[in-house]
């Protein structure tokens, strides 16, 4: 569980990132979950852009965070920010 200061710090880091994962007409299918999983392993902090399902983005973001074991940092507009710390301390890119 992250504190509000940690969330704010991660949200600040995310402002400089481009979205890596896109959620389109297919919805939160296994392909999106797998893409988010790979992105979290590679980057730890990931932006996801909602192309479709914009009215359901908060619920879909929570579901994706739960499925991937990530923390949902925030959803602003059509973008969700996710974080999952790398378990190996040597491979960590972000210190919180």
C-alpha atoms as a PDB file:
ATOM      1  CA  UNK A   1       0.000   0.000   0.000  1.00  0.00           C
ATOM      2  CA  UNK A   2       1.385   3.369  -1.015  1.00  0.00           C
ATOM      3  CA  UNK A   3       1.132   6.556   0.990  1.00  0.00           C
ATOM      4  CA  UNK A   4      -0.319   9.728  -0.506  1.00  0.00           C
ATOM      5  CA  UNK A   5       3.201  11.222  -0.765  1.00  0.00           C
ATOM      6  CA  UNK A   6       4.421   8.184  -2.668  1.00  0.00           C
ATOM      7  CA  UNK A   7       1.404   8.350  -4.988  1.00  0.00           C
ATOM      8  CA  UNK A   8       2.026  12.047  -5.611  1.00  0.00           C
ATOM      9  CA  UNK A   9       5.700  11.349  -6.364  1.00  0.00           C
ATOM     10  CA  UNK A  10       4.813   8.569  -8.818  1.00  0.00           C
ATOM     11  CA  UNK A  11       2.122  10.713 -10.450  1.00  0.00           C
ATOM     12  CA  UNK A  12       4.733  13.433 -10.951  1.00  0.00           C
ATOM     13  CA  UNK A  13       7.109  10.962 -12.588  1.00  0.00           C
ATOM     14  CA  UNK A  14       4.287   9.729 -14.819  1.00  0.00           C
ATOM     15  CA  UNK A  15       3.626  13.176 -16.298  1.00  0.00           C
ATOM     16  CA  UNK A  16       6.770  12.785 -18.403  1.00  0.00           C
ATOM     17  CA  UNK A  17       5.815   9.341 -19.707  1.00  0.00           C
ATOM     18  CA  UNK A  18       3.972   8.442 -22.892  1.00  0.00           C
ATOM     19  CA  UNK A  19       1.238   5.794 -22.754  1.00  0.00           C
ATOM     20  CA  UNK A  20       2.580   2.311 -23.397  1.00  0.00           C
ATOM     21  CA  UNK A  21      -0.667   0.319 -23.287  1.00  0.00           C
ATOM     22  CA  UNK A  22      -3.882   1.240 -25.089  1.00  0.00           C
ATOM     23  CA  UNK A  23      -7.341  -0.069 -24.234  1.00  0.00           C
ATOM     24  CA  UNK A  24      -9.524   0.020 -27.329  1.00  0.00           C
ATOM     25  CA  UNK A  25     -12.703  -1.579 -28.623  1.00  0.00           C
ATOM     26  CA  UNK A  26     -11.710  -5.071 -27.465  1.00  0.00           C
ATOM     27  CA  UNK A  27     -12.019  -3.948 -23.849  1.00  0.00           C
ATOM     28  CA  UNK A  28      -9.993  -5.387 -21.013  1.00  0.00           C
ATOM     29  CA  UNK A  29      -9.351  -8.627 -22.858  1.00  0.00           C
ATOM     30  CA  UNK A  30      -6.454 -10.892 -22.052  1.00  0.00           C
ATOM     31  CA  UNK A  31      -4.285  -9.077 -24.601  1.00  0.00           C
ATOM     32  CA  UNK A  32      -4.532  -5.818 -22.671  1.00  0.00           C
ATOM     33  CA  UNK A  33      -3.844  -7.588 -19.371  1.00  0.00           C
ATOM     34  CA  UNK A  34      -0.794  -9.291 -20.856  1.00  0.00           C
ATOM     35  CA  UNK A  35       0.482  -6.045 -22.367  1.00  0.00           C
ATOM     36  CA  UNK A  36       0.098  -4.281 -19.016  1.00  0.00           C
ATOM     37  CA  UNK A  37       1.883  -7.154 -17.270  1.00  0.00           C
ATOM     38  CA  UNK A  38       4.854  -6.965 -19.673  1.00  0.00           C
ATOM     39  CA  UNK A  39       5.004  -3.185 -19.383  1.00  0.00           C
ATOM     40  CA  UNK A  40       4.998  -3.336 -15.570  1.00  0.00           C
ATOM     41  CA  UNK A  41       7.839  -5.866 -15.584  1.00  0.00           C
ATOM     42  CA  UNK A  42       9.871  -3.706 -17.961  1.00  0.00           C
ATOM     43  CA  UNK A  43       9.074  -0.223 -16.663  1.00  0.00           C
ATOM     44  CA  UNK A  44       7.397  -0.434 -13.207  1.00  0.00           C
ATOM     45  CA  UNK A  45       5.466   2.805 -13.861  1.00  0.00           C
ATOM     46  CA  UNK A  46       3.061   2.572 -16.805  1.00  0.00           C
ATOM     47  CA  UNK A  47       0.511   4.824 -18.467  1.00  0.00           C
ATOM     48  CA  UNK A  48      -2.536   3.250 -20.093  1.00  0.00           C
ATOM     49  CA  UNK A  49      -4.693   5.262 -22.509  1.00  0.00           C
ATOM     50  CA  UNK A  50      -8.408   4.528 -22.810  1.00  0.00           C
ATOM     51  CA  UNK A  51      -9.349   4.785 -26.496  1.00  0.00           C
ATOM     52  CA  UNK A  52     -12.825   3.358 -25.958  1.00  0.00           C
ATOM     53  CA  UNK A  53     -14.926   2.574 -22.853  1.00  0.00           C
ATOM     54  CA  UNK A  54     -14.246   6.068 -21.548  1.00  0.00           C
ATOM     55  CA  UNK A  55     -17.353   6.033 -19.356  1.00  0.00           C
ATOM     56  CA  UNK A  56     -16.142   2.889 -17.601  1.00  0.00           C
ATOM     57  CA  UNK A  57     -12.471   3.808 -17.299  1.00  0.00           C
ATOM     58  CA  UNK A  58     -12.360   3.992 -13.482  1.00  0.00           C
ATOM     59  CA  UNK A  59     -13.853   0.528 -13.023  1.00  0.00           C
ATOM     60  CA  UNK A  60     -11.727  -0.990 -15.803  1.00  0.00           C
ATOM     61  CA  UNK A  61      -8.590   0.584 -14.331  1.00  0.00           C
ATOM     62  CA  UNK A  62      -9.366  -0.923 -10.918  1.00  0.00           C
ATOM     63  CA  UNK A  63      -9.948  -4.343 -12.504  1.00  0.00           C
ATOM     64  CA  UNK A  64      -6.682  -4.196 -14.442  1.00  0.00           C
ATOM     65  CA  UNK A  65      -4.774  -3.143 -11.317  1.00  0.00           C
ATOM     66  CA  UNK A  66      -6.242  -6.049  -9.377  1.00  0.00           C
ATOM     67  CA  UNK A  67      -5.509  -8.562 -12.158  1.00  0.00           C
ATOM     68  CA  UNK A  68      -1.908  -7.415 -12.517  1.00  0.00           C
ATOM     69  CA  UNK A  69      -1.166  -6.932  -8.822  1.00  0.00           C
ATOM     70  CA  UNK A  70      -0.317  -3.288  -9.472  1.00  0.00           C
ATOM     71  CA  UNK A  71      -1.227  -0.117  -7.632  1.00  0.00           C
ATOM     72  CA  UNK A  72      -3.575   2.209  -9.475  1.00  0.00           C
ATOM     73  CA  UNK A  73      -1.932   5.589  -8.944  1.00  0.00           C
ATOM     74  CA  UNK A  74      -4.614   7.671 -10.602  1.00  0.00           C
ATOM     75  CA  UNK A  75      -6.991   8.040 -13.509  1.00  0.00           C
ATOM     76  CA  UNK A  76      -7.053  11.473 -15.094  1.00  0.00           C
ATOM     77  CA  UNK A  77      -8.998  12.081 -18.261  1.00  0.00           C
ATOM     78  CA  UNK A  78      -8.485   9.097 -20.529  1.00  0.00           C
ATOM     79  CA  UNK A  79      -5.226   7.957 -18.930  1.00  0.00           C
ATOM     80  CA  UNK A  80      -4.610   5.560 -16.055  1.00  0.00           C
ATOM     81  CA  UNK A  81      -1.279   5.298 -14.244  1.00  0.00           C
ATOM     82  CA  UNK A  82      -0.182   1.969 -12.744  1.00  0.00           C
ATOM     83  CA  UNK A  83       2.822   1.045 -10.588  1.00  0.00           C
ATOM     84  CA  UNK A  84       4.270  -2.268  -9.488  1.00  0.00           C
ATOM     85  CA  UNK A  85       7.700  -2.329  -7.910  1.00  0.00           C
ATOM     86  CA  UNK A  86      10.225  -4.744  -9.353  1.00  0.00           C
ATOM     87  CA  UNK A  87      10.788  -7.544  -6.796  1.00  0.00           C
ATOM     88  CA  UNK A  88      14.529  -7.706  -7.587  1.00  0.00           C
ATOM     89  CA  UNK A  89      16.220  -4.667  -5.947  1.00  0.00           C
ATOM     90  CA  UNK A  90      18.999  -4.695  -8.572  1.00  0.00           C
ATOM     91  CA  UNK A  91      16.504  -4.286 -11.425  1.00  0.00           C
ATOM     92  CA  UNK A  92      14.431  -1.498  -9.837  1.00  0.00           C
ATOM     93  CA  UNK A  93      14.237   1.694 -11.842  1.00  0.00           C
ATOM     94  CA  UNK A  94      12.100   3.709  -9.439  1.00  0.00           C
ATOM     95  CA  UNK A  95      12.782   4.167  -5.746  1.00  0.00           C
ATOM     96  CA  UNK A  96       9.828   5.154  -3.626  1.00  0.00           C
END
